PDB file of N, CA and C in Angstrom:
ATOM      1  N   MET A   1      11.417  16.921   0.712  1.00  0.00           N
ATOM      2  CA  MET A   1      11.366  15.359   0.899  1.00  0.00           C
ATOM      3  C   MET A   1      12.812  14.863   0.134  1.00  0.00           C
ATOM      4  N   SER A   2      13.624  14.134   0.999  1.00  0.00           N
ATOM      5  CA  SER A   2      14.858  13.588   0.557  1.00  0.00           C
ATOM      6  C   SER A   2      14.893  12.693  -0.635  1.00  0.00           C
ATOM      7  N   ASP A   3      15.797  12.206  -1.008  1.00  0.00           N
ATOM      8  CA  ASP A   3      15.907  11.272  -1.958  1.00  0.00           C
ATOM      9  C   ASP A   3      15.331   9.532  -1.736  1.00  0.00           C
ATOM     10  N   LYS A   4      16.018   9.594  -0.345  1.00  0.00           N
ATOM     11  CA  LYS A   4      15.408   7.975   0.414  1.00  0.00           C
ATOM     12  C   LYS A   4      13.650   8.222   0.672  1.00  0.00           C
ATOM     13  N   GLU A   5      13.063   9.583   1.143  1.00  0.00           N
ATOM     14  CA  GLU A   5      11.838   9.725   1.328  1.00  0.00           C
ATOM     15  C   GLU A   5      11.434   9.507   0.100  1.00  0.00           C
ATOM     16  N   SER A   6      11.715  10.049  -1.313  1.00  0.00           N
ATOM     17  CA  SER A   6      11.113   9.840  -2.298  1.00  0.00           C
ATOM     18  C   SER A   6      11.224   8.122  -3.021  1.00  0.00           C
ATOM     19  N   PHE A   7      12.289   7.869  -2.665  1.00  0.00           N
ATOM     20  CA  PHE A   7      12.645   6.310  -3.089  1.00  0.00           C
ATOM     21  C   PHE A   7      11.091   5.554  -2.272  1.00  0.00           C
ATOM     22  N   ASN A   8      11.216   5.920  -0.999  1.00  0.00           N
ATOM     23  CA  ASN A   8      10.282   4.913  -0.208  1.00  0.00           C
ATOM     24  C   ASN A   8       8.653   4.933  -0.597  1.00  0.00           C
ATOM     25  N   SER A   9       8.586   6.510  -0.899  1.00  0.00           N
ATOM     26  CA  SER A   9       7.009   6.804  -1.647  1.00  0.00           C
ATOM     27  C   SER A   9       7.019   6.091  -3.100  1.00  0.00           C
ATOM     28  N   ARG A  10       8.024   6.138  -3.752  1.00  0.00           N
ATOM     29  CA  ARG A  10       7.768   5.003  -4.872  1.00  0.00           C
ATOM     30  C   ARG A  10       7.596   3.811  -4.770  1.00  0.00           C
ATOM     31  N   LYS A  11       8.004   3.125  -3.961  1.00  0.00           N
ATOM     32  CA  LYS A  11       7.881   1.971  -3.118  1.00  0.00           C
ATOM     33  C   LYS A  11       6.495   1.745  -2.785  1.00  0.00           C
ATOM     34  N   GLY A  12       6.324   2.669  -1.972  1.00  0.00           N
ATOM     35  CA  GLY A  12       4.776   2.650  -1.393  1.00  0.00           C
ATOM     36  C   GLY A  12       3.605   2.616  -2.434  1.00  0.00           C
ATOM     37  N   MET A  13       3.916   3.555  -3.508  1.00  0.00           N
ATOM     38  CA  MET A  13       3.247   3.649  -4.551  1.00  0.00           C
ATOM     39  C   MET A  13       3.069   2.185  -5.330  1.00  0.00           C
ATOM     40  N   ILE A  14       3.984   1.688  -5.333  1.00  0.00           N
ATOM     41  CA  ILE A  14       4.107   0.191  -6.219  1.00  0.00           C
ATOM     42  C   ILE A  14       3.335  -0.743  -5.136  1.00  0.00           C
ATOM     43  N   PHE A  15       3.523  -0.626  -3.790  1.00  0.00           N
ATOM     44  CA  PHE A  15       2.678  -1.778  -2.821  1.00  0.00           C
ATOM     45  C   PHE A  15       1.192  -1.043  -3.257  1.00  0.00           C
ATOM     46  N   GLY A  16       0.828  -0.194  -2.930  1.00  0.00           N
ATOM     47  CA  GLY A  16      -0.211   0.614  -3.036  1.00  0.00           C
ATOM     48  C   GLY A  16      -1.221  -0.202  -4.216  1.00  0.00           C
ATOM     49  N   PHE A  17      -0.592  -0.142  -5.420  1.00  0.00           N
ATOM     50  CA  PHE A  17      -0.982  -0.429  -6.802  1.00  0.00           C
ATOM     51  C   PHE A  17      -1.387  -1.980  -6.895  1.00  0.00           C
ATOM     52  N   TYR A  18      -0.371  -2.555  -6.484  1.00  0.00           N
ATOM     53  CA  TYR A  18      -0.660  -4.171  -6.052  1.00  0.00           C
ATOM     54  C   TYR A  18      -1.801  -4.693  -4.974  1.00  0.00           C
ATOM     55  N   ALA A  19      -1.866  -3.725  -3.942  1.00  0.00           N
ATOM     56  CA  ALA A  19      -2.911  -3.755  -3.281  1.00  0.00           C
ATOM     57  C   ALA A  19      -4.435  -3.800  -3.812  1.00  0.00           C
ATOM     58  N   TYR A  20      -4.376  -2.667  -4.711  1.00  0.00           N
ATOM     59  CA  TYR A  20      -5.591  -2.454  -5.483  1.00  0.00           C
ATOM     60  C   TYR A  20      -5.809  -3.478  -6.582  1.00  0.00           C
ATOM     61  N   MET A  21      -5.080  -4.095  -7.150  1.00  0.00           N
ATOM     62  CA  MET A  21      -5.204  -5.129  -7.858  1.00  0.00           C
ATOM     63  C   MET A  21      -5.467  -6.448  -7.397  1.00  0.00           C
ATOM     64  N   LEU A  22      -4.844  -6.738  -6.185  1.00  0.00           N
ATOM     65  CA  LEU A  22      -4.978  -7.780  -5.298  1.00  0.00           C
ATOM     66  C   LEU A  22      -6.600  -7.931  -4.876  1.00  0.00           C
ATOM     67  N   VAL A  23      -7.143  -6.874  -4.276  1.00  0.00           N
ATOM     68  CA  VAL A  23      -8.299  -6.303  -3.819  1.00  0.00           C
ATOM     69  C   VAL A  23      -9.333  -6.810  -4.877  1.00  0.00           C
ATOM     70  N   SER A  24      -9.012  -6.045  -5.799  1.00  0.00           N
ATOM     71  CA  SER A  24      -9.859  -6.159  -7.139  1.00  0.00           C
ATOM     72  C   SER A  24     -10.216  -7.205  -7.882  1.00  0.00           C
ATOM     73  N   ALA A  25      -8.774  -8.235  -8.030  1.00  0.00           N
ATOM     74  CA  ALA A  25      -9.140  -9.400  -8.206  1.00  0.00           C
ATOM     75  C   ALA A  25     -10.100 -10.366  -7.471  1.00  0.00           C
ATOM     76  N   VAL A  26      -9.713 -10.265  -6.436  1.00  0.00           N
ATOM     77  CA  VAL A  26     -10.528 -11.086  -5.191  1.00  0.00           C
ATOM     78  C   VAL A  26     -11.646 -10.776  -5.332  1.00  0.00           C
ATOM     79  N   ASN A  27     -12.188  -9.505  -5.479  1.00  0.00           N
ATOM     80  CA  ASN A  27     -13.672  -9.025  -5.632  1.00  0.00           C
ATOM     81  C   ASN A  27     -14.047  -9.306  -7.102  1.00  0.00           C
ATOM     82  N   TYR A  28     -13.544  -9.235  -8.307  1.00  0.00           N
ATOM     83  CA  TYR A  28     -14.057  -9.994  -9.374  1.00  0.00           C
ATOM     84  C   TYR A  28     -14.028 -11.351  -9.559  1.00  0.00           C
ATOM     85  N   PHE A  29     -13.313 -12.306  -8.931  1.00  0.00           N
ATOM     86  CA  PHE A  29     -13.451 -13.692  -8.981  1.00  0.00           C
ATOM     87  C   PHE A  29     -14.748 -14.179  -7.865  1.00  0.00           C
ATOM     88  N   TYR A  30     -14.823 -13.412  -6.817  1.00  0.00           N
ATOM     89  CA  TYR A  30     -16.034 -13.597  -6.189  1.00  0.00           C
ATOM     90  C   TYR A  30     -17.235 -13.298  -6.955  1.00  0.00           C
ATOM     91  N   TYR A  31     -17.155 -12.021  -7.582  1.00  0.00           N
ATOM     92  CA  TYR A  31     -18.468 -11.772  -8.350  1.00  0.00           C
ATOM     93  C   TYR A  31     -18.428 -12.704  -9.154  1.00  0.00           C
ATOM     94  N   LEU A  32     -17.447 -13.373  -9.999  1.00  0.00           N
ATOM     95  CA  LEU A  32     -17.861 -14.488 -11.188  1.00  0.00           C
ATOM     96  C   LEU A  32     -18.323 -15.737 -10.571  1.00  0.00           C
ATOM     97  N   SER A  33     -18.241 -16.144  -9.224  1.00  0.00           N
ATOM     98  CA  SER A  33     -18.759 -17.134  -8.515  1.00  0.00           C
ATOM     99  C   SER A  33     -20.021 -17.160  -8.138  1.00  0.00           C
ATOM    100  N   THR A  34     -20.258 -16.132  -7.430  1.00  0.00           N
ATOM    101  CA  THR A  34     -21.552 -15.523  -6.634  1.00  0.00           C
ATOM    102  C   THR A  34     -22.621 -14.597  -7.496  1.00  0.00           C
ATOM    103  N   GLU A  35     -22.027 -13.880  -8.452  1.00  0.00           N
ATOM    104  CA  GLU A  35     -22.895 -12.855  -9.098  1.00  0.00           C
ATOM    105  C   GLU A  35     -23.372 -11.637  -7.883  1.00  0.00           C
ATOM    106  N   SER A  36     -22.488 -11.452  -6.819  1.00  0.00           N
ATOM    107  CA  SER A  36     -22.393 -10.464  -6.101  1.00  0.00           C
ATOM    108  C   SER A  36     -21.256 -10.047  -5.426  1.00  0.00           C
ATOM    109  N   ILE A  37     -21.304  -8.865  -5.264  1.00  0.00           N
ATOM    110  CA  ILE A  37     -19.582  -8.273  -5.160  1.00  0.00           C
ATOM    111  C   ILE A  37     -19.568  -8.855  -3.528  1.00  0.00           C
ATOM    112  N   LEU A  38     -18.332  -8.542  -3.282  1.00  0.00           N
ATOM    113  CA  LEU A  38     -17.573  -8.651  -1.871  1.00  0.00           C
ATOM    114  C   LEU A  38     -17.281  -7.369  -1.358  1.00  0.00           C
ATOM    115  N   PHE A  39     -16.469  -6.472  -2.052  1.00  0.00           N
ATOM    116  CA  PHE A  39     -16.180  -5.338  -1.711  1.00  0.00           C
ATOM    117  C   PHE A  39     -16.691  -4.314  -2.398  1.00  0.00           C
ATOM    118  N   SER A  40     -17.149  -3.192  -1.693  1.00  0.00           N
ATOM    119  CA  SER A  40     -17.694  -1.883  -2.218  1.00  0.00           C
ATOM    120  C   SER A  40     -16.434  -1.216  -3.190  1.00  0.00           C
ATOM    121  N   PRO A  41     -16.689  -0.577  -3.903  1.00  0.00           N
ATOM    122  CA  PRO A  41     -16.044   0.498  -4.789  1.00  0.00           C
ATOM    123  C   PRO A  41     -15.071   1.511  -3.713  1.00  0.00           C
ATOM    124  N   SER A  42     -15.798   1.877  -2.826  1.00  0.00           N
ATOM    125  CA  SER A  42     -15.056   2.766  -1.844  1.00  0.00           C
ATOM    126  C   SER A  42     -14.059   1.850  -0.955  1.00  0.00           C
ATOM    127  N   TYR A  43     -14.199   0.650  -0.583  1.00  0.00           N
ATOM    128  CA  TYR A  43     -13.317  -0.210   0.265  1.00  0.00           C
ATOM    129  C   TYR A  43     -12.195  -0.209  -0.592  1.00  0.00           C
ATOM    130  N   ILE A  44     -12.533  -0.498  -2.010  1.00  0.00           N
ATOM    131  CA  ILE A  44     -11.309  -0.986  -2.709  1.00  0.00           C
ATOM    132  C   ILE A  44     -10.490   0.361  -2.723  1.00  0.00           C
ATOM    133  N   PHE A  45     -10.858   1.391  -3.058  1.00  0.00           N
ATOM    134  CA  PHE A  45     -10.301   2.756  -3.315  1.00  0.00           C
ATOM    135  C   PHE A  45      -9.195   2.955  -1.780  1.00  0.00           C
ATOM    136  N   TRP A  46      -9.925   2.968  -0.825  1.00  0.00           N
ATOM    137  CA  TRP A  46      -9.334   3.081   0.604  1.00  0.00           C
ATOM    138  C   TRP A  46      -8.428   2.299   1.090  1.00  0.00           C
ATOM    139  N   SER A  47      -8.591   1.194   0.606  1.00  0.00           N
ATOM    140  CA  SER A  47      -7.497  -0.115   0.850  1.00  0.00           C
ATOM    141  C   SER A  47      -6.200   0.331   0.354  1.00  0.00           C
ATOM    142  N   GLY A  48      -6.291   0.499  -1.120  1.00  0.00           N
ATOM    143  CA  GLY A  48      -4.928   0.834  -1.890  1.00  0.00           C
ATOM    144  C   GLY A  48      -4.458   2.047  -1.305  1.00  0.00           C
ATOM    145  N   LEU A  49      -5.021   3.280  -1.084  1.00  0.00           N
ATOM    146  CA  LEU A  49      -4.874   4.332  -0.630  1.00  0.00           C
ATOM    147  C   LEU A  49      -3.991   4.214   1.010  1.00  0.00           C
ATOM    148  N   LEU A  50      -4.485   3.417   1.840  1.00  0.00           N
ATOM    149  CA  LEU A  50      -4.064   3.353   3.021  1.00  0.00           C
ATOM    150  C   LEU A  50      -3.015   2.280   2.800  1.00  0.00           C
ATOM    151  N   ALA A  51      -2.788   1.227   1.986  1.00  0.00           N
ATOM    152  CA  ALA A  51      -1.641   0.438   1.926  1.00  0.00           C
ATOM    153  C   ALA A  51      -0.415   1.302   1.407  1.00  0.00           C
ATOM    154  N   PHE A  52      -0.655   2.282   0.538  1.00  0.00           N
ATOM    155  CA  PHE A  52       0.465   3.395   0.066  1.00  0.00           C
ATOM    156  C   PHE A  52       0.972   3.664   1.278  1.00  0.00           C
ATOM    157  N   PHE A  53       0.162   4.572   2.022  1.00  0.00           N
ATOM    158  CA  PHE A  53       0.374   5.749   3.078  1.00  0.00           C
ATOM    159  C   PHE A  53       1.425   4.583   4.131  1.00  0.00           C
ATOM    160  N   LEU A  54       0.656   3.552   4.386  1.00  0.00           N
ATOM    161  CA  LEU A  54       1.056   2.788   5.528  1.00  0.00           C
ATOM    162  C   LEU A  54       2.755   2.488   5.025  1.00  0.00           C
ATOM    163  N   PHE A  55       2.601   1.778   4.083  1.00  0.00           N
ATOM    164  CA  PHE A  55       3.964   1.448   3.709  1.00  0.00           C
ATOM    165  C   PHE A  55       5.129   2.043   3.565  1.00  0.00           C
ATOM    166  N   GLU A  56       4.418   3.671   2.965  1.00  0.00           N
ATOM    167  CA  GLU A  56       5.571   4.348   3.211  1.00  0.00           C
ATOM    168  C   GLU A  56       6.350   4.816   4.276  1.00  0.00           C
ATOM    169  N   PHE A  57       4.926   5.191   5.352  1.00  0.00           N
ATOM    170  CA  PHE A  57       5.509   5.360   6.688  1.00  0.00           C
ATOM    171  C   PHE A  57       6.141   4.154   7.381  1.00  0.00           C
ATOM    172  N   ILE A  58       5.780   3.079   7.183  1.00  0.00           N
ATOM    173  CA  ILE A  58       6.921   2.281   7.962  1.00  0.00           C
ATOM    174  C   ILE A  58       8.369   2.113   7.170  1.00  0.00           C
ATOM    175  N   LEU A  59       8.631   2.350   5.964  1.00  0.00           N
ATOM    176  CA  LEU A  59       9.716   2.179   5.298  1.00  0.00           C
ATOM    177  C   LEU A  59      10.249   3.669   5.736  1.00  0.00           C
ATOM    178  N   ASN A  60       9.941   4.829   6.060  1.00  0.00           N
ATOM    179  CA  ASN A  60      10.493   5.997   6.365  1.00  0.00           C
ATOM    180  C   ASN A  60      10.986   5.941   7.890  1.00  0.00           C
ATOM    181  N   LEU A  61       9.885   5.278   8.681  1.00  0.00           N
ATOM    182  CA  LEU A  61      10.013   5.121  10.119  1.00  0.00           C
ATOM    183  C   LEU A  61      11.664   4.085  10.238  1.00  0.00           C
ATOM    184  N   ARG A  62      11.485   2.860   9.378  1.00  0.00           N
ATOM    185  CA  ARG A  62      12.535   1.899   9.513  1.00  0.00           C
ATOM    186  C   ARG A  62      13.792   3.088   9.082  1.00  0.00           C
ATOM    187  N   ASP A  63      13.913   3.879   8.349  1.00  0.00           N
ATOM    188  CA  ASP A  63      15.232   3.982   7.783  1.00  0.00           C
ATOM    189  C   ASP A  63      15.831   5.349   8.762  1.00  0.00           C
ATOM    190  N   LYS A  64      14.667   5.873   9.442  1.00  0.00           N
ATOM    191  CA  LYS A  64      14.951   7.058  10.576  1.00  0.00           C
ATOM    192  C   LYS A  64      15.691   6.268  11.632  1.00  0.00           C
ATOM    193  N   PHE A  65      15.119   5.007  12.051  1.00  0.00           N
ATOM    194  CA  PHE A  65      15.686   4.150  13.153  1.00  0.00           C
ATOM    195  C   PHE A  65      17.000   3.633  12.860  1.00  0.00           C
ATOM    196  N   ILE A  66      17.127   3.344  11.742  1.00  0.00           N
ATOM    197  CA  ILE A  66      18.792   2.856  11.237  1.00  0.00           C
ATOM    198  C   ILE A  66      19.478   3.844  11.304  1.00  0.00           C
ATOM    199  N   ARG A  67      18.985   5.237  10.814  1.00  0.00           N
ATOM    200  CA  ARG A  67      20.150   6.300  10.682  1.00  0.00           C
ATOM    201  C   ARG A  67      20.257   6.841  12.264  1.00  0.00           C
ATOM    202  N   LYS A  68      19.271   6.788  13.142  1.00  0.00           N
ATOM    203  CA  LYS A  68      19.552   7.017  14.551  1.00  0.00           C
ATOM    204  C   LYS A  68      20.348   5.808  15.058  1.00  0.00           C
ATOM    205  N   ASN A  69      20.432   4.662  14.999  1.00  0.00           N
ATOM    206  CA  ASN A  69      21.195   3.782  15.309  1.00  0.00           C
ATOM    207  C   ASN A  69      22.790   3.892  14.814  1.00  0.00           C
ATOM    208  N   ILE A  70      22.779   4.123  13.691  1.00  0.00           N
ATOM    209  CA  ILE A  70      24.120   4.436  13.065  1.00  0.00           C
ATOM    210  C   ILE A  70      25.007   5.868  13.807  1.00  0.00           C
ATOM    211  N   ASP A  71      24.124   6.662  13.948  1.00  0.00           N
ATOM    212  CA  ASP A  71      24.671   7.907  14.654  1.00  0.00           C
ATOM    213  C   ASP A  71      25.260   7.751  16.015  1.00  0.00           C
ATOM    214  N   ASN A  72      24.684   6.856  16.677  1.00  0.00           N
ATOM    215  CA  ASN A  72      25.049   6.470  18.120  1.00  0.00           C
ATOM    216  C   ASN A  72      26.318   5.590  18.228  1.00  0.00           C
TER     217      ASN A  72
END
Protein backbone atom coordinates (compact mmCIF):
# COMPACT_ATOMS: atom_id res chain seq x y z
CA MET A 1 0.00 0.00 0.00
CA SER A 2 1.44 3.34 -1.02
CA ASP A 3 1.54 6.39 1.22
CA LYS A 4 -1.32 7.99 -0.71
CA GLU A 5 -3.47 4.85 -0.38
CA SER A 6 -2.69 4.73 3.33
CA PHE A 7 -3.69 8.38 3.67
CA ASN A 8 -6.93 7.71 1.77
CA SER A 9 -7.61 4.73 4.05
CA ARG A 10 -7.27 6.97 7.11
CA LYS A 11 -9.66 9.48 5.57
CA GLY A 12 -12.06 6.62 4.86
CA MET A 13 -11.86 5.44 8.46
CA ILE A 14 -12.74 8.93 9.68
CA PHE A 15 -15.64 9.13 7.24
CA GLY A 16 -16.87 5.68 8.29
CA PHE A 17 -16.69 6.67 11.95
CA TYR A 18 -18.76 9.79 11.28
CA ALA A 19 -21.27 7.65 9.38
CA TYR A 20 -21.55 5.38 12.44
CA MET A 21 -22.07 8.39 14.68
CA LEU A 22 -24.67 9.97 12.40
CA VAL A 23 -26.73 6.79 11.98
CA SER A 24 -26.46 6.05 15.71
CA ALA A 25 -27.56 9.58 16.62
CA VAL A 26 -30.53 9.43 14.26
CA ASN A 27 -31.48 6.04 15.69
CA TYR A 28 -31.11 7.28 19.27
CA PHE A 29 -33.21 10.41 18.77
CA TYR A 30 -35.86 8.38 16.97
CA TYR A 31 -35.89 5.98 19.92
CA LEU A 32 -36.30 8.88 22.36
CA SER A 33 -39.30 10.22 20.49
CA THR A 34 -41.09 6.96 19.60
CA GLU A 35 -39.64 4.33 21.98
CA SER A 36 -38.90 2.01 19.04
CA ILE A 37 -35.72 1.67 17.03
CA LEU A 38 -35.41 2.93 13.46
CA PHE A 39 -32.31 0.98 12.38
CA SER A 40 -31.21 -2.48 13.44
CA PRO A 41 -27.72 -2.88 14.93
CA SER A 42 -26.61 -4.85 11.88
CA TYR A 43 -27.72 -1.99 9.60
CA ILE A 44 -25.72 0.49 11.68
CA PHE A 45 -22.66 -1.77 11.52
CA TRP A 46 -22.84 -2.35 7.77
CA SER A 47 -23.57 1.29 6.96
CA GLY A 48 -20.38 2.48 8.65
CA LEU A 49 -18.31 -0.30 7.09
CA LEU A 50 -19.74 0.35 3.65
CA ALA A 51 -19.14 4.10 4.03
CA PHE A 52 -15.48 3.41 4.88
CA PHE A 53 -14.83 1.13 1.90
CA LEU A 54 -16.75 3.25 -0.61
CA PHE A 55 -15.09 6.49 0.45
CA GLU A 56 -11.63 4.90 0.33
CA PHE A 57 -12.39 3.39 -3.10
CA ILE A 58 -13.59 6.74 -4.48
CA LEU A 59 -10.50 8.57 -3.18
CA ASN A 60 -8.13 5.95 -4.61
CA LEU A 61 -9.96 5.96 -7.95
CA ARG A 62 -9.84 9.75 -8.10
CA ASP A 63 -6.10 9.75 -7.38
CA LYS A 64 -5.53 7.11 -10.05
CA PHE A 65 -7.35 9.21 -12.67
CA ILE A 66 -5.45 12.34 -11.64
CA ARG A 67 -2.12 10.51 -11.96
CA LYS A 68 -3.19 9.08 -15.32
CA ASN A 69 -4.06 12.55 -16.66
CA ILE A 70 -0.76 14.00 -15.42
CA ASP A 71 1.22 11.25 -17.17
CA ASN A 72 -0.53 11.95 -20.51
